[in-house]
Amino acid sequence: MKKSVADLKAAMAAERKPVSVLKSSTQTASSDKAPAAPKSRKRIGRPPVADKRSVKITLSLTKREAQALKGKAGMVPQAAFLLAKLHETDCFED
């Protein structure tokens, strides 16, 4: 015999629910204490950047120059490669 959804819901409602466990004396003693001060929450994620890069610079290269740059950069993004090279040559002095 095929059962309907209503029959299943009725059967689930008729089942005995588990009885909750009574609190032990140690749990009641700890609940009598004053609540502790809430802990300060830690920020999740990356820390804020002090000096964010927001200036964009456009660079035009020939096909031969672009191929040479791509070959030297390898799997590194070309912009990151060029920025690292500029830092190596002390182009940005603090």
PDB file of N, CA and C in Angstrom:
ATOM      1  N   MET A   1       0.835  -1.182   0.000  1.00  0.00           N
ATOM      2  CA  MET A   1       0.000   0.000   0.000  1.00  0.00           C
ATOM      3  C   MET A   1       0.876   1.240   0.000  1.00  0.00           C
ATOM      4  N   LYS A   2       0.557   2.165  -0.857  1.00  0.00           N
ATOM      5  CA  LYS A   2       1.334   3.382  -0.996  1.00  0.00           C
ATOM      6  C   LYS A   2       0.884   4.406   0.041  1.00  0.00           C
ATOM      7  N   LYS A   3       1.846   5.039   0.710  1.00  0.00           N
ATOM      8  CA  LYS A   3       1.505   6.019   1.740  1.00  0.00           C
ATOM      9  C   LYS A   3       1.602   7.426   1.155  1.00  0.00           C
ATOM     10  N   SER A   4       0.766   8.294   1.630  1.00  0.00           N
ATOM     11  CA  SER A   4       0.791   9.676   1.164  1.00  0.00           C
ATOM     12  C   SER A   4       1.674  10.511   2.094  1.00  0.00           C
ATOM     13  N   VAL A   5       1.912  11.722   1.695  1.00  0.00           N
ATOM     14  CA  VAL A   5       2.728  12.639   2.492  1.00  0.00           C
ATOM     15  C   VAL A   5       2.048  12.935   3.823  1.00  0.00           C
ATOM     16  N   ALA A   6       0.742  13.051   3.809  1.00  0.00           N
ATOM     17  CA  ALA A   6      -0.003  13.320   5.041  1.00  0.00           C
ATOM     18  C   ALA A   6       0.162  12.165   6.026  1.00  0.00           C
ATOM     19  N   ASP A   7       0.167  10.907   5.511  1.00  0.00           N
ATOM     20  CA  ASP A   7       0.361   9.751   6.381  1.00  0.00           C
ATOM     21  C   ASP A   7       1.748   9.772   7.016  1.00  0.00           C
ATOM     22  N   LEU A   8       2.749  10.144   6.232  1.00  0.00           N
ATOM     23  CA  LEU A   8       4.114  10.202   6.762  1.00  0.00           C
ATOM     24  C   LEU A   8       4.250  11.286   7.824  1.00  0.00           C
ATOM     25  N   LYS A   9       3.635  12.450   7.573  1.00  0.00           N
ATOM     26  CA  LYS A   9       3.701  13.536   8.561  1.00  0.00           C
ATOM     27  C   LYS A   9       3.008  13.125   9.851  1.00  0.00           C
ATOM     28  N   ALA A  10       1.897  12.459   9.753  1.00  0.00           N
ATOM     29  CA  ALA A  10       1.167  12.008  10.936  1.00  0.00           C
ATOM     30  C   ALA A  10       1.982  10.979  11.702  1.00  0.00           C
ATOM     31  N   ALA A  11       2.666  10.083  11.003  1.00  0.00           N
ATOM     32  CA  ALA A  11       3.490   9.064  11.662  1.00  0.00           C
ATOM     33  C   ALA A  11       4.672   9.709  12.371  1.00  0.00           C
ATOM     34  N   MET A  12       5.268  10.730  11.747  1.00  0.00           N
ATOM     35  CA  MET A  12       6.406  11.410  12.372  1.00  0.00           C
ATOM     36  C   MET A  12       5.964  12.190  13.602  1.00  0.00           C
ATOM     37  N   ALA A  13       4.768  12.765  13.571  1.00  0.00           N
ATOM     38  CA  ALA A  13       4.260  13.524  14.708  1.00  0.00           C
ATOM     39  C   ALA A  13       3.895  12.598  15.860  1.00  0.00           C
ATOM     40  N   ALA A  14       3.521  11.375  15.565  1.00  0.00           N
ATOM     41  CA  ALA A  14       3.097  10.423  16.590  1.00  0.00           C
ATOM     42  C   ALA A  14       4.280   9.808  17.331  1.00  0.00           C
ATOM     43  N   GLU A  15       5.471   9.868  16.747  1.00  0.00           N
ATOM     44  CA  GLU A  15       6.641   9.279  17.397  1.00  0.00           C
ATOM     45  C   GLU A  15       6.960  10.033  18.677  1.00  0.00           C
ATOM     46  N   ARG A  16       7.508   9.321  19.642  1.00  0.00           N
ATOM     47  CA  ARG A  16       7.901   9.951  20.896  1.00  0.00           C
ATOM     48  C   ARG A  16       9.163  10.760  20.678  1.00  0.00           C
ATOM     49  N   LYS A  17       9.145  11.945  21.197  1.00  0.00           N
ATOM     50  CA  LYS A  17      10.313  12.824  21.117  1.00  0.00           C
ATOM     51  C   LYS A  17      11.255  12.484  22.263  1.00  0.00           C
ATOM     52  N   PRO A  18      12.573  12.655  22.079  1.00  0.00           N
ATOM     53  CA  PRO A  18      13.507  12.362  23.166  1.00  0.00           C
ATOM     54  C   PRO A  18      13.307  13.336  24.330  1.00  0.00           C
ATOM     55  N   VAL A  19      13.452  12.809  25.541  1.00  0.00           N
ATOM     56  CA  VAL A  19      13.291  13.617  26.742  1.00  0.00           C
ATOM     57  C   VAL A  19      14.596  14.366  26.973  1.00  0.00           C
ATOM     58  N   SER A  20      14.496  15.648  27.263  1.00  0.00           N
ATOM     59  CA  SER A  20      15.706  16.434  27.484  1.00  0.00           C
ATOM     60  C   SER A  20      16.345  16.022  28.801  1.00  0.00           C
ATOM     61  N   VAL A  21      17.633  16.094  28.839  1.00  0.00           N
ATOM     62  CA  VAL A  21      18.389  15.695  30.022  1.00  0.00           C
ATOM     63  C   VAL A  21      18.282  16.809  31.056  1.00  0.00           C
ATOM     64  N   LEU A  22      18.035  16.422  32.303  1.00  0.00           N
ATOM     65  CA  LEU A  22      17.939  17.412  33.374  1.00  0.00           C
ATOM     66  C   LEU A  22      19.306  18.011  33.640  1.00  0.00           C
ATOM     67  N   LYS A  23      19.311  19.270  34.031  1.00  0.00           N
ATOM     68  CA  LYS A  23      20.578  19.946  34.314  1.00  0.00           C
ATOM     69  C   LYS A  23      21.213  19.330  35.551  1.00  0.00           C
ATOM     70  N   SER A  24      22.515  19.163  35.496  1.00  0.00           N
ATOM     71  CA  SER A  24      23.216  18.628  36.665  1.00  0.00           C
ATOM     72  C   SER A  24      23.480  19.766  37.643  1.00  0.00           C
ATOM     73  N   SER A  25      23.888  19.426  38.831  1.00  0.00           N
ATOM     74  CA  SER A  25      24.117  20.444  39.863  1.00  0.00           C
ATOM     75  C   SER A  25      25.276  21.364  39.482  1.00  0.00           C
ATOM     76  N   THR A  26      26.252  20.856  38.721  1.00  0.00           N
ATOM     77  CA  THR A  26      27.379  21.706  38.324  1.00  0.00           C
ATOM     78  C   THR A  26      26.937  22.742  37.296  1.00  0.00           C
ATOM     79  N   GLN A  27      26.000  22.386  36.457  1.00  0.00           N
ATOM     80  CA  GLN A  27      25.522  23.339  35.463  1.00  0.00           C
ATOM     81  C   GLN A  27      24.692  24.433  36.118  1.00  0.00           C
ATOM     82  N   THR A  28      23.900  24.098  37.116  1.00  0.00           N
ATOM     83  CA  THR A  28      23.090  25.119  37.770  1.00  0.00           C
ATOM     84  C   THR A  28      23.974  26.051  38.576  1.00  0.00           C
ATOM     85  N   ALA A  29      25.056  25.541  39.150  1.00  0.00           N
ATOM     86  CA  ALA A  29      25.950  26.390  39.933  1.00  0.00           C
ATOM     87  C   ALA A  29      26.651  27.392  39.033  1.00  0.00           C
ATOM     88  N   SER A  30      27.040  26.974  37.829  1.00  0.00           N
ATOM     89  CA  SER A  30      27.730  27.891  36.928  1.00  0.00           C
ATOM     90  C   SER A  30      26.773  28.925  36.354  1.00  0.00           C
ATOM     91  N   SER A  31      25.482  28.591  36.270  1.00  0.00           N
ATOM     92  CA  SER A  31      24.522  29.547  35.725  1.00  0.00           C
ATOM     93  C   SER A  31      24.156  30.610  36.756  1.00  0.00           C
ATOM     94  N   ASP A  32      24.472  30.379  38.046  1.00  0.00           N
ATOM     95  CA  ASP A  32      24.193  31.370  39.085  1.00  0.00           C
ATOM     96  C   ASP A  32      25.168  32.533  39.018  1.00  0.00           C
ATOM     97  N   LYS A  33      26.315  32.337  38.385  1.00  0.00           N
ATOM     98  CA  LYS A  33      27.332  33.384  38.301  1.00  0.00           C
ATOM     99  C   LYS A  33      26.896  34.475  37.334  1.00  0.00           C
ATOM    100  N   ALA A  34      27.479  35.645  37.507  1.00  0.00           N
ATOM    101  CA  ALA A  34      27.188  36.754  36.601  1.00  0.00           C
ATOM    102  C   ALA A  34      27.775  36.440  35.229  1.00  0.00           C
ATOM    103  N   PRO A  35      27.107  36.841  34.159  1.00  0.00           N
ATOM    104  CA  PRO A  35      27.638  36.554  32.824  1.00  0.00           C
ATOM    105  C   PRO A  35      28.953  37.302  32.580  1.00  0.00           C
ATOM    106  N   ALA A  36      29.867  36.628  31.924  1.00  0.00           N
ATOM    107  CA  ALA A  36      31.164  37.230  31.627  1.00  0.00           C
ATOM    108  C   ALA A  36      30.994  38.294  30.550  1.00  0.00           C
ATOM    109  N   ALA A  37      31.918  39.247  30.538  1.00  0.00           N
ATOM    110  CA  ALA A  37      31.862  40.309  29.528  1.00  0.00           C
ATOM    111  C   ALA A  37      32.103  39.682  28.160  1.00  0.00           C
ATOM    112  N   PRO A  38      31.376  40.113  27.138  1.00  0.00           N
ATOM    113  CA  PRO A  38      31.578  39.531  25.804  1.00  0.00           C
ATOM    114  C   PRO A  38      32.964  39.853  25.272  1.00  0.00           C
ATOM    115  N   LYS A  39      33.557  38.880  24.598  1.00  0.00           N
ATOM    116  CA  LYS A  39      34.888  39.067  24.032  1.00  0.00           C
ATOM    117  C   LYS A  39      34.799  39.964  22.812  1.00  0.00           C
ATOM    118  N   SER A  40      35.839  40.752  22.613  1.00  0.00           N
ATOM    119  CA  SER A  40      35.851  41.593  21.421  1.00  0.00           C
ATOM    120  C   SER A  40      36.062  40.704  20.208  1.00  0.00           C
ATOM    121  N   ARG A  41      35.355  40.996  19.141  1.00  0.00           N
ATOM    122  CA  ARG A  41      35.433  40.165  17.943  1.00  0.00           C
ATOM    123  C   ARG A  41      36.632  40.564  17.110  1.00  0.00           C
ATOM    124  N   LYS A  42      37.279  39.572  16.544  1.00  0.00           N
ATOM    125  CA  LYS A  42      38.395  39.808  15.643  1.00  0.00           C
ATOM    126  C   LYS A  42      37.862  40.054  14.253  1.00  0.00           C
ATOM    127  N   ARG A  43      38.534  40.921  13.527  1.00  0.00           N
ATOM    128  CA  ARG A  43      38.151  41.141  12.141  1.00  0.00           C
ATOM    129  C   ARG A  43      38.513  39.923  11.321  1.00  0.00           C
ATOM    130  N   ILE A  44      37.670  39.604  10.373  1.00  0.00           N
ATOM    131  CA  ILE A  44      37.910  38.469   9.502  1.00  0.00           C
ATOM    132  C   ILE A  44      38.341  39.003   8.150  1.00  0.00           C
ATOM    133  N   GLY A  45      39.326  38.356   7.552  1.00  0.00           N
ATOM    134  CA  GLY A  45      39.764  38.749   6.223  1.00  0.00           C
ATOM    135  C   GLY A  45      41.092  39.474   6.257  1.00  0.00           C
ATOM    136  N   ARG A  46      41.403  40.113   5.171  1.00  0.00           N
ATOM    137  CA  ARG A  46      42.675  40.819   5.050  1.00  0.00           C
ATOM    138  C   ARG A  46      42.667  42.092   5.889  1.00  0.00           C
ATOM    139  N   PRO A  47      43.839  42.463   6.408  1.00  0.00           N
ATOM    140  CA  PRO A  47      43.911  43.733   7.131  1.00  0.00           C
ATOM    141  C   PRO A  47      43.793  44.899   6.152  1.00  0.00           C
ATOM    142  N   PRO A  48      43.330  46.047   6.628  1.00  0.00           N
ATOM    143  CA  PRO A  48      43.202  47.182   5.718  1.00  0.00           C
ATOM    144  C   PRO A  48      44.577  47.641   5.216  1.00  0.00           C
ATOM    145  N   VAL A  49      44.626  48.084   3.960  1.00  0.00           N
ATOM    146  CA  VAL A  49      45.871  48.511   3.342  1.00  0.00           C
ATOM    147  C   VAL A  49      46.074  49.986   3.643  1.00  0.00           C
ATOM    148  N   ALA A  50      47.286  50.336   4.109  1.00  0.00           N
ATOM    149  CA  ALA A  50      47.576  51.719   4.465  1.00  0.00           C
ATOM    150  C   ALA A  50      47.610  52.606   3.222  1.00  0.00           C
ATOM    151  N   ASP A  51      48.329  52.181   2.188  1.00  0.00           N
ATOM    152  CA  ASP A  51      48.469  52.984   0.977  1.00  0.00           C
ATOM    153  C   ASP A  51      47.995  52.153  -0.197  1.00  0.00           C
ATOM    154  N   LYS A  52      46.728  52.300  -0.537  1.00  0.00           N
ATOM    155  CA  LYS A  52      46.128  51.491  -1.582  1.00  0.00           C
ATOM    156  C   LYS A  52      46.515  52.021  -2.955  1.00  0.00           C
ATOM    157  N   ARG A  53      46.796  51.098  -3.874  1.00  0.00           N
ATOM    158  CA  ARG A  53      47.134  51.493  -5.247  1.00  0.00           C
ATOM    159  C   ARG A  53      45.861  51.862  -5.993  1.00  0.00           C
ATOM    160  N   SER A  54      45.781  53.108  -6.417  1.00  0.00           N
ATOM    161  CA  SER A  54      44.569  53.547  -7.112  1.00  0.00           C
ATOM    162  C   SER A  54      44.875  54.278  -8.418  1.00  0.00           C
ATOM    163  N   VAL A  55      46.142  54.584  -8.700  1.00  0.00           N
ATOM    164  CA  VAL A  55      46.504  55.303  -9.920  1.00  0.00           C
ATOM    165  C   VAL A  55      46.803  54.286 -11.011  1.00  0.00           C
ATOM    166  N   LYS A  56      46.149  54.454 -12.163  1.00  0.00           N
ATOM    167  CA  LYS A  56      46.336  53.545 -13.293  1.00  0.00           C
ATOM    168  C   LYS A  56      47.262  54.191 -14.311  1.00  0.00           C
ATOM    169  N   ILE A  57      48.150  53.402 -14.886  1.00  0.00           N
ATOM    170  CA  ILE A  57      49.077  53.869 -15.913  1.00  0.00           C
ATOM    171  C   ILE A  57      48.941  52.942 -17.116  1.00  0.00           C
ATOM    172  N   THR A  58      48.831  53.532 -18.297  1.00  0.00           N
ATOM    173  CA  THR A  58      48.710  52.763 -19.527  1.00  0.00           C
ATOM    174  C   THR A  58      50.063  52.749 -20.221  1.00  0.00           C
ATOM    175  N   LEU A  59      50.454  51.591 -20.728  1.00  0.00           N
ATOM    176  CA  LEU A  59      51.738  51.422 -21.389  1.00  0.00           C
ATOM    177  C   LEU A  59      51.503  50.736 -22.725  1.00  0.00           C
ATOM    178  N   SER A  60      52.050  51.302 -23.790  1.00  0.00           N
ATOM    179  CA  SER A  60      51.921  50.702 -25.117  1.00  0.00           C
ATOM    180  C   SER A  60      53.256  50.088 -25.516  1.00  0.00           C
ATOM    181  N   LEU A  61      53.215  48.837 -25.973  1.00  0.00           N
ATOM    182  CA  LEU A  61      54.416  48.120 -26.392  1.00  0.00           C
ATOM    183  C   LEU A  61      54.233  47.619 -27.820  1.00  0.00           C
ATOM    184  N   THR A  62      55.358  47.363 -28.474  1.00  0.00           N
ATOM    185  CA  THR A  62      55.284  46.721 -29.780  1.00  0.00           C
ATOM    186  C   THR A  62      55.028  45.242 -29.556  1.00  0.00           C
ATOM    187  N   LYS A  63      54.675  44.537 -30.619  1.00  0.00           N
ATOM    188  CA  LYS A  63      54.428  43.098 -30.489  1.00  0.00           C
ATOM    189  C   LYS A  63      55.674  42.370 -30.027  1.00  0.00           C
ATOM    190  N   ARG A  64      56.823  42.764 -30.544  1.00  0.00           N
ATOM    191  CA  ARG A  64      58.084  42.126 -30.160  1.00  0.00           C
ATOM    192  C   ARG A  64      58.391  42.386 -28.683  1.00  0.00           C
ATOM    193  N   GLU A  65      58.163  43.625 -28.224  1.00  0.00           N
ATOM    194  CA  GLU A  65      58.403  43.959 -26.815  1.00  0.00           C
ATOM    195  C   GLU A  65      57.432  43.194 -25.908  1.00  0.00           C
ATOM    196  N   ALA A  66      56.195  43.085 -26.331  1.00  0.00           N
ATOM    197  CA  ALA A  66      55.200  42.361 -25.531  1.00  0.00           C
ATOM    198  C   ALA A  66      55.550  40.882 -25.418  1.00  0.00           C
ATOM    199  N   GLN A  67      56.027  40.287 -26.501  1.00  0.00           N
ATOM    200  CA  GLN A  67      56.436  38.878 -26.478  1.00  0.00           C
ATOM    201  C   GLN A  67      57.633  38.679 -25.557  1.00  0.00           C
ATOM    202  N   ALA A  68      58.589  39.602 -25.620  1.00  0.00           N
ATOM    203  CA  ALA A  68      59.768  39.506 -24.747  1.00  0.00           C
ATOM    204  C   ALA A  68      59.353  39.632 -23.284  1.00  0.00           C
ATOM    205  N   LEU A  69      58.456  40.568 -22.992  1.00  0.00           N
ATOM    206  CA  LEU A  69      57.970  40.749 -21.624  1.00  0.00           C
ATOM    207  C   LEU A  69      57.227  39.507 -21.151  1.00  0.00           C
ATOM    208  N   LYS A  70      56.394  38.953 -21.997  1.00  0.00           N
ATOM    209  CA  LYS A  70      55.634  37.750 -21.645  1.00  0.00           C
ATOM    210  C   LYS A  70      56.575  36.574 -21.380  1.00  0.00           C
ATOM    211  N   GLY A  71      57.627  36.469 -22.176  1.00  0.00           N
ATOM    212  CA  GLY A  71      58.590  35.383 -21.985  1.00  0.00           C
ATOM    213  C   GLY A  71      59.358  35.512 -20.680  1.00  0.00           C
ATOM    214  N   LYS A  72      59.761  36.737 -20.320  1.00  0.00           N
ATOM    215  CA  LYS A  72      60.513  36.936 -19.071  1.00  0.00           C
ATOM    216  C   LYS A  72      59.615  36.828 -17.848  1.00  0.00           C
ATOM    217  N   ALA A  73      58.354  37.253 -17.966  1.00  0.00           N
ATOM    218  CA  ALA A  73      57.446  37.212 -16.824  1.00  0.00           C
ATOM    219  C   ALA A  73      57.021  35.782 -16.510  1.00  0.00           C
ATOM    220  N   GLY A  74      56.955  34.942 -17.524  1.00  0.00           N
ATOM    221  CA  GLY A  74      56.539  33.551 -17.295  1.00  0.00           C
ATOM    222  C   GLY A  74      55.083  33.495 -16.882  1.00  0.00           C
ATOM    223  N   MET A  75      54.808  32.834 -15.736  1.00  0.00           N
ATOM    224  CA  MET A  75      53.427  32.689 -15.270  1.00  0.00           C
ATOM    225  C   MET A  75      52.971  33.865 -14.411  1.00  0.00           C
ATOM    226  N   VAL A  76      53.895  34.785 -14.109  1.00  0.00           N
ATOM    227  CA  VAL A  76      53.561  35.958 -13.302  1.00  0.00           C
ATOM    228  C   VAL A  76      52.807  36.951 -14.185  1.00  0.00           C
ATOM    229  N   PRO A  77      51.771  37.611 -13.669  1.00  0.00           N
ATOM    230  CA  PRO A  77      51.102  38.642 -14.467  1.00  0.00           C
ATOM    231  C   PRO A  77      52.099  39.726 -14.879  1.00  0.00           C
ATOM    232  N   GLN A  78      51.950  40.215 -16.083  1.00  0.00           N
ATOM    233  CA  GLN A  78      52.934  41.148 -16.635  1.00  0.00           C
ATOM    234  C   GLN A  78      53.011  42.440 -15.830  1.00  0.00           C
ATOM    235  N   ALA A  79      51.893  42.963 -15.360  1.00  0.00           N
ATOM    236  CA  ALA A  79      51.904  44.192 -14.572  1.00  0.00           C
ATOM    237  C   ALA A  79      52.642  43.983 -13.250  1.00  0.00           C
ATOM    238  N   ALA A  80      52.426  42.855 -12.607  1.00  0.00           N
ATOM    239  CA  ALA A  80      53.119  42.563 -11.346  1.00  0.00           C
ATOM    240  C   ALA A  80      54.615  42.401 -11.593  1.00  0.00           C
ATOM    241  N   PHE A  81      54.974  41.788 -12.714  1.00  0.00           N
ATOM    242  CA  PHE A  81      56.387  41.613 -13.072  1.00  0.00           C
ATOM    243  C   PHE A  81      57.056  42.972 -13.273  1.00  0.00           C
ATOM    244  N   LEU A  82      56.398  43.862 -14.021  1.00  0.00           N
ATOM    245  CA  LEU A  82      56.966  45.191 -14.257  1.00  0.00           C
ATOM    246  C   LEU A  82      57.072  45.994 -12.964  1.00  0.00           C
ATOM    247  N   LEU A  83      56.082  45.891 -12.094  1.00  0.00           N
ATOM    248  CA  LEU A  83      56.122  46.599 -10.820  1.00  0.00           C
ATOM    249  C   LEU A  83      57.273  46.099  -9.958  1.00  0.00           C
ATOM    250  N   ALA A  84      57.513  44.796  -9.948  1.00  0.00           N
ATOM    251  CA  ALA A  84      58.635  44.236  -9.185  1.00  0.00           C
ATOM    252  C   ALA A  84      59.965  44.740  -9.743  1.00  0.00           C
ATOM    253  N   LYS A  85      60.069  44.806 -11.061  1.00  0.00           N
ATOM    254  CA  LYS A  85      61.304  45.318 -11.679  1.00  0.00           C
ATOM    255  C   LYS A  85      61.514  46.789 -11.334  1.00  0.00           C
ATOM    256  N   LEU A  86      60.454  47.568 -11.291  1.00  0.00           N
ATOM    257  CA  LEU A  86      60.581  48.975 -10.914  1.00  0.00           C
ATOM    258  C   LEU A  86      61.031  49.121  -9.463  1.00  0.00           C
ATOM    259  N   HIS A  87      60.534  48.249  -8.596  1.00  0.00           N
ATOM    260  CA  HIS A  87      60.984  48.285  -7.196  1.00  0.00           C
ATOM    261  C   HIS A  87      62.450  47.863  -7.080  1.00  0.00           C
ATOM    262  N   GLU A  88      62.893  46.902  -7.880  1.00  0.00           N
ATOM    263  CA  GLU A  88      64.291  46.447  -7.849  1.00  0.00           C
ATOM    264  C   GLU A  88      65.257  47.548  -8.267  1.00  0.00           C
ATOM    265  N   THR A  89      64.839  48.394  -9.175  1.00  0.00           N
ATOM    266  CA  THR A  89      65.727  49.465  -9.670  1.00  0.00           C
ATOM    267  C   THR A  89      65.629  50.723  -8.819  1.00  0.00           C
ATOM    268  N   ASP A  90      64.956  50.657  -7.673  1.00  0.00           N
ATOM    269  CA  ASP A  90      64.804  51.797  -6.759  1.00  0.00           C
ATOM    270  C   ASP A  90      64.133  52.990  -7.449  1.00  0.00           C
ATOM    271  N   CYS A  91      63.202  52.698  -8.305  1.00  0.00           N
ATOM    272  CA  CYS A  91      62.461  53.766  -8.984  1.00  0.00           C
ATOM    273  C   CYS A  91      61.563  54.502  -7.992  1.00  0.00           C
ATOM    274  N   PHE A  92      61.063  53.779  -6.988  1.00  0.00           N
ATOM    275  CA  PHE A  92      60.191  54.374  -5.971  1.00  0.00           C
ATOM    276  C   PHE A  92      60.989  54.515  -4.682  1.00  0.00           C
ATOM    277  N   GLU A  93      61.480  55.693  -4.428  1.00  0.00           N
ATOM    278  CA  GLU A  93      62.258  55.927  -3.196  1.00  0.00           C
ATOM    279  C   GLU A  93      61.324  56.423  -2.115  1.00  0.00           C
ATOM    280  N   ASP A  94      61.515  55.887  -0.926  1.00  0.00           N
ATOM    281  CA  ASP A  94      60.661  56.279   0.208  1.00  0.00           C
ATOM    282  C   ASP A  94      61.141  57.560   0.833  1.00  0.00           C
TER     283      ASP A  94
END
